[in-house]
mmCIF file of all heavy atoms, coordinates in Angstrom:
data_MODEL
# 
_entry.id   MODEL 
# 
loop_
_atom_site.group_PDB 
_atom_site.id 
_atom_site.type_symbol 
_atom_site.label_atom_id 
_atom_site.label_alt_id 
_atom_site.label_comp_id 
_atom_site.label_asym_id 
_atom_site.label_entity_id 
_atom_site.label_seq_id 
_atom_site.pdbx_PDB_ins_code 
_atom_site.Cartn_x 
_atom_site.Cartn_y 
_atom_site.Cartn_z 
_atom_site.occupancy 
_atom_site.B_iso_or_equiv 
_atom_site.pdbx_formal_charge 
_atom_site.auth_seq_id 
_atom_site.auth_comp_id 
_atom_site.auth_asym_id 
_atom_site.auth_atom_id 
_atom_site.pdbx_PDB_model_num 
ATOM 1   N N   . PHE A 1 1  ? 0.842   -1.198  0.000  1.00 0.00 ? 1  PHE A N   1 
ATOM 2   C CA  . PHE A 1 1  ? 0.000   0.000   0.000  1.00 0.00 ? 1  PHE A CA  1 
ATOM 3   C C   . PHE A 1 1  ? 0.875   1.246   0.000  1.00 0.00 ? 1  PHE A C   1 
ATOM 4   O O   . PHE A 1 1  ? 1.965   1.258   0.592  1.00 0.00 ? 1  PHE A O   1 
ATOM 5   C CB  . PHE A 1 1  ? -0.886  0.029   1.241  1.00 0.00 ? 1  PHE A CB  1 
ATOM 6   C CG  . PHE A 1 1  ? -1.957  -1.018  1.305  1.00 0.00 ? 1  PHE A CG  1 
ATOM 7   C CD1 . PHE A 1 1  ? -1.998  -2.085  0.418  1.00 0.00 ? 1  PHE A CD1 1 
ATOM 8   C CD2 . PHE A 1 1  ? -2.947  -0.946  2.269  1.00 0.00 ? 1  PHE A CD2 1 
ATOM 9   C CE1 . PHE A 1 1  ? -2.989  -3.052  0.481  1.00 0.00 ? 1  PHE A CE1 1 
ATOM 10  C CE2 . PHE A 1 1  ? -3.943  -1.893  2.359  1.00 0.00 ? 1  PHE A CE2 1 
ATOM 11  C CZ  . PHE A 1 1  ? -3.955  -2.950  1.473  1.00 0.00 ? 1  PHE A CZ  1 
ATOM 12  N N   . THR A 1 2  ? 0.370   2.294   -0.634 1.00 0.00 ? 2  THR A N   1 
ATOM 13  C CA  . THR A 1 2  ? 1.060   3.575   -0.648 1.00 0.00 ? 2  THR A CA  1 
ATOM 14  C C   . THR A 1 2  ? 0.074   4.687   -0.321 1.00 0.00 ? 2  THR A C   1 
ATOM 15  O O   . THR A 1 2  ? -0.961  4.807   -0.987 1.00 0.00 ? 2  THR A O   1 
ATOM 16  C CB  . THR A 1 2  ? 1.708   3.850   -2.000 1.00 0.00 ? 2  THR A CB  1 
ATOM 17  O OG1 . THR A 1 2  ? 2.617   2.789   -2.327 1.00 0.00 ? 2  THR A OG1 1 
ATOM 18  C CG2 . THR A 1 2  ? 2.474   5.165   -1.969 1.00 0.00 ? 2  THR A CG2 1 
ATOM 19  N N   . ILE A 1 3  ? 0.410   5.487   0.680  1.00 0.00 ? 3  ILE A N   1 
ATOM 20  C CA  . ILE A 1 3  ? -0.433  6.614   1.047  1.00 0.00 ? 3  ILE A CA  1 
ATOM 21  C C   . ILE A 1 3  ? 0.176   7.898   0.489  1.00 0.00 ? 3  ILE A C   1 
ATOM 22  O O   . ILE A 1 3  ? 1.400   8.046   0.440  1.00 0.00 ? 3  ILE A O   1 
ATOM 23  C CB  . ILE A 1 3  ? -0.611  6.704   2.579  1.00 0.00 ? 3  ILE A CB  1 
ATOM 24  C CG1 . ILE A 1 3  ? -1.716  7.695   2.935  1.00 0.00 ? 3  ILE A CG1 1 
ATOM 25  C CG2 . ILE A 1 3  ? 0.701   7.042   3.277  1.00 0.00 ? 3  ILE A CG2 1 
ATOM 26  C CD1 . ILE A 1 3  ? -2.129  7.649   4.402  1.00 0.00 ? 3  ILE A CD1 1 
ATOM 27  N N   . SER A 1 4  ? -0.687  8.806   0.074  1.00 0.00 ? 4  SER A N   1 
ATOM 28  C CA  . SER A 1 4  ? -0.224  10.089  -0.437 1.00 0.00 ? 4  SER A CA  1 
ATOM 29  C C   . SER A 1 4  ? -1.263  11.154  -0.083 1.00 0.00 ? 4  SER A C   1 
ATOM 30  O O   . SER A 1 4  ? -2.430  10.836  0.163  1.00 0.00 ? 4  SER A O   1 
ATOM 31  C CB  . SER A 1 4  ? -0.014  10.030  -1.950 1.00 0.00 ? 4  SER A CB  1 
ATOM 32  O OG  . SER A 1 4  ? -1.216  9.690   -2.614 1.00 0.00 ? 4  SER A OG  1 
ATOM 33  N N   . ARG A 1 5  ? -0.816  12.390  -0.062 1.00 0.00 ? 5  ARG A N   1 
ATOM 34  C CA  . ARG A 1 5  ? -1.742  13.471  0.224  1.00 0.00 ? 5  ARG A CA  1 
ATOM 35  C C   . ARG A 1 5  ? -1.389  14.693  -0.599 1.00 0.00 ? 5  ARG A C   1 
ATOM 36  O O   . ARG A 1 5  ? -0.236  14.872  -1.018 1.00 0.00 ? 5  ARG A O   1 
ATOM 37  C CB  . ARG A 1 5  ? -1.770  13.821  1.713  1.00 0.00 ? 5  ARG A CB  1 
ATOM 38  C CG  . ARG A 1 5  ? -0.494  14.435  2.263  1.00 0.00 ? 5  ARG A CG  1 
ATOM 39  C CD  . ARG A 1 5  ? -0.587  14.637  3.770  1.00 0.00 ? 5  ARG A CD  1 
ATOM 40  N NE  . ARG A 1 5  ? -1.415  15.784  4.128  1.00 0.00 ? 5  ARG A NE  1 
ATOM 41  C CZ  . ARG A 1 5  ? -1.731  16.123  5.368  1.00 0.00 ? 5  ARG A CZ  1 
ATOM 42  N NH1 . ARG A 1 5  ? -1.324  15.362  6.383  1.00 0.00 ? 5  ARG A NH1 1 
ATOM 43  N NH2 . ARG A 1 5  ? -2.462  17.200  5.619  1.00 0.00 ? 5  ARG A NH2 1 
ATOM 44  N N   . ASP A 1 6  ? -2.395  15.514  -0.833 1.00 0.00 ? 6  ASP A N   1 
ATOM 45  C CA  . ASP A 1 6  ? -2.231  16.777  -1.540 1.00 0.00 ? 6  ASP A CA  1 
ATOM 46  C C   . ASP A 1 6  ? -2.708  17.875  -0.599 1.00 0.00 ? 6  ASP A C   1 
ATOM 47  O O   . ASP A 1 6  ? -3.913  18.024  -0.373 1.00 0.00 ? 6  ASP A O   1 
ATOM 48  C CB  . ASP A 1 6  ? -3.059  16.754  -2.825 1.00 0.00 ? 6  ASP A CB  1 
ATOM 49  C CG  . ASP A 1 6  ? -2.857  18.001  -3.674 1.00 0.00 ? 6  ASP A CG  1 
ATOM 50  O OD1 . ASP A 1 6  ? -2.512  19.060  -3.102 1.00 0.00 ? 6  ASP A OD1 1 
ATOM 51  O OD2 . ASP A 1 6  ? -3.065  17.918  -4.893 1.00 0.00 ? 6  ASP A OD2 1 
ATOM 52  N N   . ASN A 1 7  ? -1.779  18.616  -0.034 1.00 0.00 ? 7  ASN A N   1 
ATOM 53  C CA  . ASN A 1 7  ? -2.129  19.645  0.949  1.00 0.00 ? 7  ASN A CA  1 
ATOM 54  C C   . ASN A 1 7  ? -2.884  20.815  0.318  1.00 0.00 ? 7  ASN A C   1 
ATOM 55  O O   . ASN A 1 7  ? -3.625  21.506  1.009  1.00 0.00 ? 7  ASN A O   1 
ATOM 56  C CB  . ASN A 1 7  ? -0.880  20.153  1.650  1.00 0.00 ? 7  ASN A CB  1 
ATOM 57  C CG  . ASN A 1 7  ? -0.247  19.095  2.533  1.00 0.00 ? 7  ASN A CG  1 
ATOM 58  O OD1 . ASN A 1 7  ? -0.928  18.243  3.089  1.00 0.00 ? 7  ASN A OD1 1 
ATOM 59  N ND2 . ASN A 1 7  ? 1.072   19.139  2.649  1.00 0.00 ? 7  ASN A ND2 1 
ATOM 60  N N   . THR A 1 8  ? -2.705  21.031  -0.958 1.00 0.00 ? 8  THR A N   1 
ATOM 61  C CA  . THR A 1 8  ? -3.409  22.139  -1.619 1.00 0.00 ? 8  THR A CA  1 
ATOM 62  C C   . THR A 1 8  ? -4.894  21.815  -1.794 1.00 0.00 ? 8  THR A C   1 
ATOM 63  O O   . THR A 1 8  ? -5.725  22.716  -1.865 1.00 0.00 ? 8  THR A O   1 
ATOM 64  C CB  . THR A 1 8  ? -2.791  22.455  -2.979 1.00 0.00 ? 8  THR A CB  1 
ATOM 65  O OG1 . THR A 1 8  ? -2.962  21.342  -3.859 1.00 0.00 ? 8  THR A OG1 1 
ATOM 66  C CG2 . THR A 1 8  ? -1.300  22.761  -2.843 1.00 0.00 ? 8  THR A CG2 1 
ATOM 67  N N   . LYS A 1 9  ? -5.208  20.547  -1.874 1.00 0.00 ? 9  LYS A N   1 
ATOM 68  C CA  . LYS A 1 9  ? -6.597  20.120  -2.072 1.00 0.00 ? 9  LYS A CA  1 
ATOM 69  C C   . LYS A 1 9  ? -7.183  19.468  -0.833 1.00 0.00 ? 9  LYS A C   1 
ATOM 70  O O   . LYS A 1 9  ? -8.367  19.109  -0.814 1.00 0.00 ? 9  LYS A O   1 
ATOM 71  C CB  . LYS A 1 9  ? -6.692  19.148  -3.247 1.00 0.00 ? 9  LYS A CB  1 
ATOM 72  C CG  . LYS A 1 9  ? -6.259  19.736  -4.578 1.00 0.00 ? 9  LYS A CG  1 
ATOM 73  C CD  . LYS A 1 9  ? -6.375  18.717  -5.691 1.00 0.00 ? 9  LYS A CD  1 
ATOM 74  C CE  . LYS A 1 9  ? -5.941  19.305  -7.017 1.00 0.00 ? 9  LYS A CE  1 
ATOM 75  N NZ  . LYS A 1 9  ? -6.008  18.315  -8.125 1.00 0.00 ? 9  LYS A NZ  1 
ATOM 76  N N   . ASN A 1 10 ? -6.363  19.290  0.206  1.00 0.00 ? 10 ASN A N   1 
ATOM 77  C CA  . ASN A 1 10 ? -6.801  18.601  1.430  1.00 0.00 ? 10 ASN A CA  1 
ATOM 78  C C   . ASN A 1 10 ? -7.355  17.209  1.131  1.00 0.00 ? 10 ASN A C   1 
ATOM 79  O O   . ASN A 1 10 ? -8.449  16.846  1.579  1.00 0.00 ? 10 ASN A O   1 
ATOM 80  C CB  . ASN A 1 10 ? -7.845  19.434  2.182  1.00 0.00 ? 10 ASN A CB  1 
ATOM 81  C CG  . ASN A 1 10 ? -7.249  20.680  2.788  1.00 0.00 ? 10 ASN A CG  1 
ATOM 82  O OD1 . ASN A 1 10 ? -6.087  20.694  3.195  1.00 0.00 ? 10 ASN A OD1 1 
ATOM 83  N ND2 . ASN A 1 10 ? -8.031  21.749  2.840  1.00 0.00 ? 10 ASN A ND2 1 
ATOM 84  N N   . THR A 1 11 ? -6.603  16.468  0.346  1.00 0.00 ? 11 THR A N   1 
ATOM 85  C CA  . THR A 1 11 ? -7.007  15.109  0.015  1.00 0.00 ? 11 THR A CA  1 
ATOM 86  C C   . THR A 1 11 ? -5.921  14.120  0.439  1.00 0.00 ? 11 THR A C   1 
ATOM 87  O O   . THR A 1 11 ? -4.742  14.456  0.508  1.00 0.00 ? 11 THR A O   1 
ATOM 88  C CB  . THR A 1 11 ? -7.275  14.934  -1.477 1.00 0.00 ? 11 THR A CB  1 
ATOM 89  O OG1 . THR A 1 11 ? -6.091  15.270  -2.212 1.00 0.00 ? 11 THR A OG1 1 
ATOM 90  C CG2 . THR A 1 11 ? -8.411  15.828  -1.948 1.00 0.00 ? 11 THR A CG2 1 
ATOM 91  N N   . VAL A 1 12 ? -6.365  12.907  0.708  1.00 0.00 ? 12 VAL A N   1 
ATOM 92  C CA  . VAL A 1 12 ? -5.446  11.809  1.008  1.00 0.00 ? 12 VAL A CA  1 
ATOM 93  C C   . VAL A 1 12 ? -5.922  10.593  0.238  1.00 0.00 ? 12 VAL A C   1 
ATOM 94  O O   . VAL A 1 12 ? -7.129  10.352  0.120  1.00 0.00 ? 12 VAL A O   1 
ATOM 95  C CB  . VAL A 1 12 ? -5.369  11.526  2.516  1.00 0.00 ? 12 VAL A CB  1 
ATOM 96  C CG1 . VAL A 1 12 ? -6.719  11.125  3.098  1.00 0.00 ? 12 VAL A CG1 1 
ATOM 97  C CG2 . VAL A 1 12 ? -4.303  10.482  2.822  1.00 0.00 ? 12 VAL A CG2 1 
ATOM 98  N N   . SER A 1 13 ? -4.976  9.855   -0.307 1.00 0.00 ? 13 SER A N   1 
ATOM 99  C CA  . SER A 1 13 ? -5.307  8.687   -1.114 1.00 0.00 ? 13 SER A CA  1 
ATOM 100 C C   . SER A 1 13 ? -4.533  7.473   -0.618 1.00 0.00 ? 13 SER A C   1 
ATOM 101 O O   . SER A 1 13 ? -3.468  7.606   -0.009 1.00 0.00 ? 13 SER A O   1 
ATOM 102 C CB  . SER A 1 13 ? -4.975  8.936   -2.582 1.00 0.00 ? 13 SER A CB  1 
ATOM 103 O OG  . SER A 1 13 ? -5.745  10.002  -3.099 1.00 0.00 ? 13 SER A OG  1 
ATOM 104 N N   . LEU A 1 14 ? -5.088  6.318   -0.910 1.00 0.00 ? 14 LEU A N   1 
ATOM 105 C CA  . LEU A 1 14 ? -4.430  5.062   -0.541 1.00 0.00 ? 14 LEU A CA  1 
ATOM 106 C C   . LEU A 1 14 ? -4.460  4.152   -1.758 1.00 0.00 ? 14 LEU A C   1 
ATOM 107 O O   . LEU A 1 14 ? -5.536  3.711   -2.174 1.00 0.00 ? 14 LEU A O   1 
ATOM 108 C CB  . LEU A 1 14 ? -5.137  4.405   0.640  1.00 0.00 ? 14 LEU A CB  1 
ATOM 109 C CG  . LEU A 1 14 ? -4.468  3.145   1.196  1.00 0.00 ? 14 LEU A CG  1 
ATOM 110 C CD1 . LEU A 1 14 ? -3.150  3.507   1.884  1.00 0.00 ? 14 LEU A CD1 1 
ATOM 111 C CD2 . LEU A 1 14 ? -5.398  2.431   2.177  1.00 0.00 ? 14 LEU A CD2 1 
ATOM 112 N N   . GLN A 1 15 ? -3.299  3.891   -2.307 1.00 0.00 ? 15 GLN A N   1 
ATOM 113 C CA  . GLN A 1 15 ? -3.172  2.946   -3.415 1.00 0.00 ? 15 GLN A CA  1 
ATOM 114 C C   . GLN A 1 15 ? -2.871  1.579   -2.828 1.00 0.00 ? 15 GLN A C   1 
ATOM 115 O O   . GLN A 1 15 ? -1.858  1.406   -2.136 1.00 0.00 ? 15 GLN A O   1 
ATOM 116 C CB  . GLN A 1 15 ? -2.060  3.373   -4.368 1.00 0.00 ? 15 GLN A CB  1 
ATOM 117 C CG  . GLN A 1 15 ? -1.841  2.413   -5.526 1.00 0.00 ? 15 GLN A CG  1 
ATOM 118 C CD  . GLN A 1 15 ? -3.019  2.361   -6.465 1.00 0.00 ? 15 GLN A CD  1 
ATOM 119 O OE1 . GLN A 1 15 ? -3.614  3.375   -6.801 1.00 0.00 ? 15 GLN A OE1 1 
ATOM 120 N NE2 . GLN A 1 15 ? -3.364  1.154   -6.913 1.00 0.00 ? 15 GLN A NE2 1 
ATOM 121 N N   . MET A 1 16 ? -3.744  0.622   -3.095 1.00 0.00 ? 16 MET A N   1 
ATOM 122 C CA  . MET A 1 16 ? -3.610  -0.715  -2.522 1.00 0.00 ? 16 MET A CA  1 
ATOM 123 C C   . MET A 1 16 ? -3.345  -1.708  -3.639 1.00 0.00 ? 16 MET A C   1 
ATOM 124 O O   . MET A 1 16 ? -4.207  -1.912  -4.503 1.00 0.00 ? 16 MET A O   1 
ATOM 125 C CB  . MET A 1 16 ? -4.883  -1.084  -1.749 1.00 0.00 ? 16 MET A CB  1 
ATOM 126 C CG  . MET A 1 16 ? -5.274  -0.070  -0.689 1.00 0.00 ? 16 MET A CG  1 
ATOM 127 S SD  . MET A 1 16 ? -6.652  -0.583  0.346  1.00 0.00 ? 16 MET A SD  1 
ATOM 128 C CE  . MET A 1 16 ? -7.998  -0.511  -0.846 1.00 0.00 ? 16 MET A CE  1 
ATOM 129 N N   . ASN A 1 17 ? -2.180  -2.303  -3.631 1.00 0.00 ? 17 ASN A N   1 
ATOM 130 C CA  . ASN A 1 17 ? -1.776  -3.284  -4.625 1.00 0.00 ? 17 ASN A CA  1 
ATOM 131 C C   . ASN A 1 17 ? -1.590  -4.657  -3.983 1.00 0.00 ? 17 ASN A C   1 
ATOM 132 O O   . ASN A 1 17 ? -1.499  -4.769  -2.766 1.00 0.00 ? 17 ASN A O   1 
ATOM 133 C CB  . ASN A 1 17 ? -0.484  -2.845  -5.306 1.00 0.00 ? 17 ASN A CB  1 
ATOM 134 C CG  . ASN A 1 17 ? -0.613  -1.544  -6.048 1.00 0.00 ? 17 ASN A CG  1 
ATOM 135 O OD1 . ASN A 1 17 ? -1.685  -1.200  -6.570 1.00 0.00 ? 17 ASN A OD1 1 
ATOM 136 N ND2 . ASN A 1 17 ? 0.476   -0.792  -6.101 1.00 0.00 ? 17 ASN A ND2 1 
ATOM 137 N N   . SER A 1 18 ? -1.527  -5.663  -4.814 1.00 0.00 ? 18 SER A N   1 
ATOM 138 C CA  . SER A 1 18 ? -1.321  -7.042  -4.338 1.00 0.00 ? 18 SER A CA  1 
ATOM 139 C C   . SER A 1 18 ? -2.280  -7.383  -3.203 1.00 0.00 ? 18 SER A C   1 
ATOM 140 O O   . SER A 1 18 ? -1.896  -7.910  -2.153 1.00 0.00 ? 18 SER A O   1 
ATOM 141 C CB  . SER A 1 18 ? 0.130   -7.233  -3.871 1.00 0.00 ? 18 SER A CB  1 
ATOM 142 O OG  . SER A 1 18 ? 1.042   -6.955  -4.916 1.00 0.00 ? 18 SER A OG  1 
ATOM 143 N N   . LEU A 1 19 ? -3.530  -7.069  -3.421 1.00 0.00 ? 19 LEU A N   1 
ATOM 144 C CA  . LEU A 1 19 ? -4.522  -7.243  -2.364 1.00 0.00 ? 19 LEU A CA  1 
ATOM 145 C C   . LEU A 1 19 ? -4.732  -8.714  -2.025 1.00 0.00 ? 19 LEU A C   1 
ATOM 146 O O   . LEU A 1 19 ? -4.664  -9.599  -2.896 1.00 0.00 ? 19 LEU A O   1 
ATOM 147 C CB  . LEU A 1 19 ? -5.839  -6.594  -2.773 1.00 0.00 ? 19 LEU A CB  1 
ATOM 148 C CG  . LEU A 1 19 ? -5.830  -5.066  -2.640 1.00 0.00 ? 19 LEU A CG  1 
ATOM 149 C CD1 . LEU A 1 19 ? -6.945  -4.440  -3.458 1.00 0.00 ? 19 LEU A CD1 1 
ATOM 150 C CD2 . LEU A 1 19 ? -5.951  -4.672  -1.173 1.00 0.00 ? 19 LEU A CD2 1 
ATOM 151 N N   . GLU A 1 20 ? -4.991  -8.931  -0.743 1.00 0.00 ? 20 GLU A N   1 
ATOM 152 C CA  . GLU A 1 20 ? -5.211  -10.273 -0.210 1.00 0.00 ? 20 GLU A CA  1 
ATOM 153 C C   . GLU A 1 20 ? -6.614  -10.343 0.397  1.00 0.00 ? 20 GLU A C   1 
ATOM 154 O O   . GLU A 1 20 ? -7.206  -9.309  0.738  1.00 0.00 ? 20 GLU A O   1 
ATOM 155 C CB  . GLU A 1 20 ? -4.159  -10.582 0.858  1.00 0.00 ? 20 GLU A CB  1 
ATOM 156 C CG  . GLU A 1 20 ? -2.731  -10.448 0.371  1.00 0.00 ? 20 GLU A CG  1 
ATOM 157 C CD  . GLU A 1 20 ? -1.713  -10.460 1.502  1.00 0.00 ? 20 GLU A CD  1 
ATOM 158 O OE1 . GLU A 1 20 ? -2.124  -10.474 2.685  1.00 0.00 ? 20 GLU A OE1 1 
ATOM 159 O OE2 . GLU A 1 20 ? -0.491  -10.458 1.204  1.00 0.00 ? 20 GLU A OE2 1 
ATOM 160 N N   . VAL A 1 21 ? -7.099  -11.554 0.550  1.00 0.00 ? 21 VAL A N   1 
ATOM 161 C CA  . VAL A 1 21 ? -8.436  -11.736 1.121  1.00 0.00 ? 21 VAL A CA  1 
ATOM 162 C C   . VAL A 1 21 ? -8.522  -11.070 2.499  1.00 0.00 ? 21 VAL A C   1 
ATOM 163 O O   . VAL A 1 21 ? -9.549  -10.478 2.848  1.00 0.00 ? 21 VAL A O   1 
ATOM 164 C CB  . VAL A 1 21 ? -8.778  -13.234 1.220  1.00 0.00 ? 21 VAL A CB  1 
ATOM 165 C CG1 . VAL A 1 21 ? -10.069 -13.445 2.002  1.00 0.00 ? 21 VAL A CG1 1 
ATOM 166 C CG2 . VAL A 1 21 ? -8.888  -13.848 -0.170 1.00 0.00 ? 21 VAL A CG2 1 
ATOM 167 N N   . ASP A 1 22 ? -7.436  -11.124 3.260  1.00 0.00 ? 22 ASP A N   1 
ATOM 168 C CA  . ASP A 1 22 ? -7.427  -10.529 4.601  1.00 0.00 ? 22 ASP A CA  1 
ATOM 169 C C   . ASP A 1 22 ? -7.477  -9.003  4.588  1.00 0.00 ? 22 ASP A C   1 
ATOM 170 O O   . ASP A 1 22 ? -7.614  -8.394  5.646  1.00 0.00 ? 22 ASP A O   1 
ATOM 171 C CB  . ASP A 1 22 ? -6.182  -10.982 5.367  1.00 0.00 ? 22 ASP A CB  1 
ATOM 172 C CG  . ASP A 1 22 ? -6.291  -12.428 5.838  1.00 0.00 ? 22 ASP A CG  1 
ATOM 173 O OD1 . ASP A 1 22 ? -7.410  -12.985 5.775  1.00 0.00 ? 22 ASP A OD1 1 
ATOM 174 O OD2 . ASP A 1 22 ? -5.267  -12.993 6.254  1.00 0.00 ? 22 ASP A OD2 1 
ATOM 175 N N   . ASP A 1 23 ? -7.370  -8.391  3.436  1.00 0.00 ? 23 ASP A N   1 
ATOM 176 C CA  . ASP A 1 23 ? -7.505  -6.936  3.330  1.00 0.00 ? 23 ASP A CA  1 
ATOM 177 C C   . ASP A 1 23 ? -8.973  -6.513  3.258  1.00 0.00 ? 23 ASP A C   1 
ATOM 178 O O   . ASP A 1 23 ? -9.265  -5.319  3.277  1.00 0.00 ? 23 ASP A O   1 
ATOM 179 C CB  . ASP A 1 23 ? -6.775  -6.421  2.090  1.00 0.00 ? 23 ASP A CB  1 
ATOM 180 C CG  . ASP A 1 23 ? -5.260  -6.603  2.190  1.00 0.00 ? 23 ASP A CG  1 
ATOM 181 O OD1 . ASP A 1 23 ? -4.703  -6.332  3.265  1.00 0.00 ? 23 ASP A OD1 1 
ATOM 182 O OD2 . ASP A 1 23 ? -4.656  -7.005  1.170  1.00 0.00 ? 23 ASP A OD2 1 
ATOM 183 N N   . THR A 1 24 ? -9.855  -7.469  3.159  1.00 0.00 ? 24 THR A N   1 
ATOM 184 C CA  . THR A 1 24 ? -11.282 -7.154  3.119  1.00 0.00 ? 24 THR A CA  1 
ATOM 185 C C   . THR A 1 24 ? -11.713 -6.467  4.410  1.00 0.00 ? 24 THR A C   1 
ATOM 186 O O   . THR A 1 24 ? -11.497 -6.980  5.510  1.00 0.00 ? 24 THR A O   1 
ATOM 187 C CB  . THR A 1 24 ? -12.113 -8.433  2.927  1.00 0.00 ? 24 THR A CB  1 
ATOM 188 O OG1 . THR A 1 24 ? -11.803 -8.997  1.652  1.00 0.00 ? 24 THR A OG1 1 
ATOM 189 C CG2 . THR A 1 24 ? -13.600 -8.132  3.005  1.00 0.00 ? 24 THR A CG2 1 
ATOM 190 N N   . ALA A 1 25 ? -12.297 -5.279  4.265  1.00 0.00 ? 25 ALA A N   1 
ATOM 191 C CA  . ALA A 1 25 ? -12.681 -4.491  5.432  1.00 0.00 ? 25 ALA A CA  1 
ATOM 192 C C   . ALA A 1 25 ? -13.424 -3.245  4.985  1.00 0.00 ? 25 ALA A C   1 
ATOM 193 O O   . ALA A 1 25 ? -13.444 -2.917  3.795  1.00 0.00 ? 25 ALA A O   1 
ATOM 194 C CB  . ALA A 1 25 ? -11.438 -4.086  6.230  1.00 0.00 ? 25 ALA A CB  1 
ATOM 195 N N   . VAL A 1 26 ? -13.995 -2.572  5.960  1.00 0.00 ? 26 VAL A N   1 
ATOM 196 C CA  . VAL A 1 26 ? -14.472 -1.208  5.727  1.00 0.00 ? 26 VAL A CA  1 
ATOM 197 C C   . VAL A 1 26 ? -13.300 -0.282  6.026  1.00 0.00 ? 26 VAL A C   1 
ATOM 198 O O   . VAL A 1 26 ? -12.697 -0.367  7.104  1.00 0.00 ? 26 VAL A O   1 
ATOM 199 C CB  . VAL A 1 26 ? -15.677 -0.865  6.614  1.00 0.00 ? 26 VAL A CB  1 
ATOM 200 C CG1 . VAL A 1 26 ? -16.100 0.586   6.389  1.00 0.00 ? 26 VAL A CG1 1 
ATOM 201 C CG2 . VAL A 1 26 ? -16.840 -1.805  6.318  1.00 0.00 ? 26 VAL A CG2 1 
ATOM 202 N N   . TYR A 1 27 ? -12.979 0.572   5.090  1.00 0.00 ? 27 TYR A N   1 
ATOM 203 C CA  . TYR A 1 27 ? -11.851 1.481   5.213  1.00 0.00 ? 27 TYR A CA  1 
ATOM 204 C C   . TYR A 1 27 ? -12.369 2.873   5.574  1.00 0.00 ? 27 TYR A C   1 
ATOM 205 O O   . TYR A 1 27 ? -13.271 3.404   4.910  1.00 0.00 ? 27 TYR A O   1 
ATOM 206 C CB  . TYR A 1 27 ? -11.056 1.520   3.911  1.00 0.00 ? 27 TYR A CB  1 
ATOM 207 C CG  . TYR A 1 27 ? -10.230 0.271   3.722  1.00 0.00 ? 27 TYR A CG  1 
ATOM 208 C CD1 . TYR A 1 27 ? -10.814 -0.920  3.308  1.00 0.00 ? 27 TYR A CD1 1 
ATOM 209 C CD2 . TYR A 1 27 ? -8.861  0.269   3.968  1.00 0.00 ? 27 TYR A CD2 1 
ATOM 210 C CE1 . TYR A 1 27 ? -10.065 -2.078  3.153  1.00 0.00 ? 27 TYR A CE1 1 
ATOM 211 C CE2 . TYR A 1 27 ? -8.088  -0.874  3.804  1.00 0.00 ? 27 TYR A CE2 1 
ATOM 212 C CZ  . TYR A 1 27 ? -8.703  -2.043  3.401  1.00 0.00 ? 27 TYR A CZ  1 
ATOM 213 O OH  . TYR A 1 27 ? -7.950  -3.193  3.250  1.00 0.00 ? 27 TYR A OH  1 
ATOM 214 N N   . TYR A 1 28 ? -11.762 3.455   6.605  1.00 0.00 ? 28 TYR A N   1 
ATOM 215 C CA  . TYR A 1 28 ? -12.180 4.755   7.110  1.00 0.00 ? 28 TYR A CA  1 
ATOM 216 C C   . TYR A 1 28 ? -11.080 5.787   6.940  1.00 0.00 ? 28 TYR A C   1 
ATOM 217 O O   . TYR A 1 28 ? -9.929  5.563   7.335  1.00 0.00 ? 28 TYR A O   1 
ATOM 218 C CB  . TYR A 1 28 ? -12.530 4.662   8.598  1.00 0.00 ? 28 TYR A CB  1 
ATOM 219 C CG  . TYR A 1 28 ? -13.714 3.792   8.913  1.00 0.00 ? 28 TYR A CG  1 
ATOM 220 C CD1 . TYR A 1 28 ? -13.555 2.439   9.188  1.00 0.00 ? 28 TYR A CD1 1 
ATOM 221 C CD2 . TYR A 1 28 ? -15.006 4.328   8.925  1.00 0.00 ? 28 TYR A CD2 1 
ATOM 222 C CE1 . TYR A 1 28 ? -14.651 1.635   9.479  1.00 0.00 ? 28 TYR A CE1 1 
ATOM 223 C CE2 . TYR A 1 28 ? -16.100 3.525   9.215  1.00 0.00 ? 28 TYR A CE2 1 
ATOM 224 C CZ  . TYR A 1 28 ? -15.912 2.183   9.484  1.00 0.00 ? 28 TYR A CZ  1 
ATOM 225 O OH  . TYR A 1 28 ? -16.991 1.396   9.767  1.00 0.00 ? 28 TYR A OH  1 
ATOM 226 N N   . CYS A 1 29 ? -11.439 6.903   6.378  1.00 0.00 ? 29 CYS A N   1 
ATOM 227 C CA  . CYS A 1 29 ? -10.540 8.045   6.309  1.00 0.00 ? 29 CYS A CA  1 
ATOM 228 C C   . CYS A 1 29 ? -10.494 8.698   7.680  1.00 0.00 ? 29 CYS A C   1 
ATOM 229 O O   . CYS A 1 29 ? -11.516 8.756   8.395  1.00 0.00 ? 29 CYS A O   1 
ATOM 230 C CB  . CYS A 1 29 ? -11.046 9.022   5.261  1.00 0.00 ? 29 CYS A CB  1 
ATOM 231 S SG  . CYS A 1 29 ? -9.981  10.456  5.011  1.00 0.00 ? 29 CYS A SG  1 
# 
């Protein structure tokens, strides 16, 4: 996983690669 943010837009993103069954969840910002 890679997290990134843009302070000018007040956004945060999470790029999730090579996902596994155990990654199944509700994701909260």
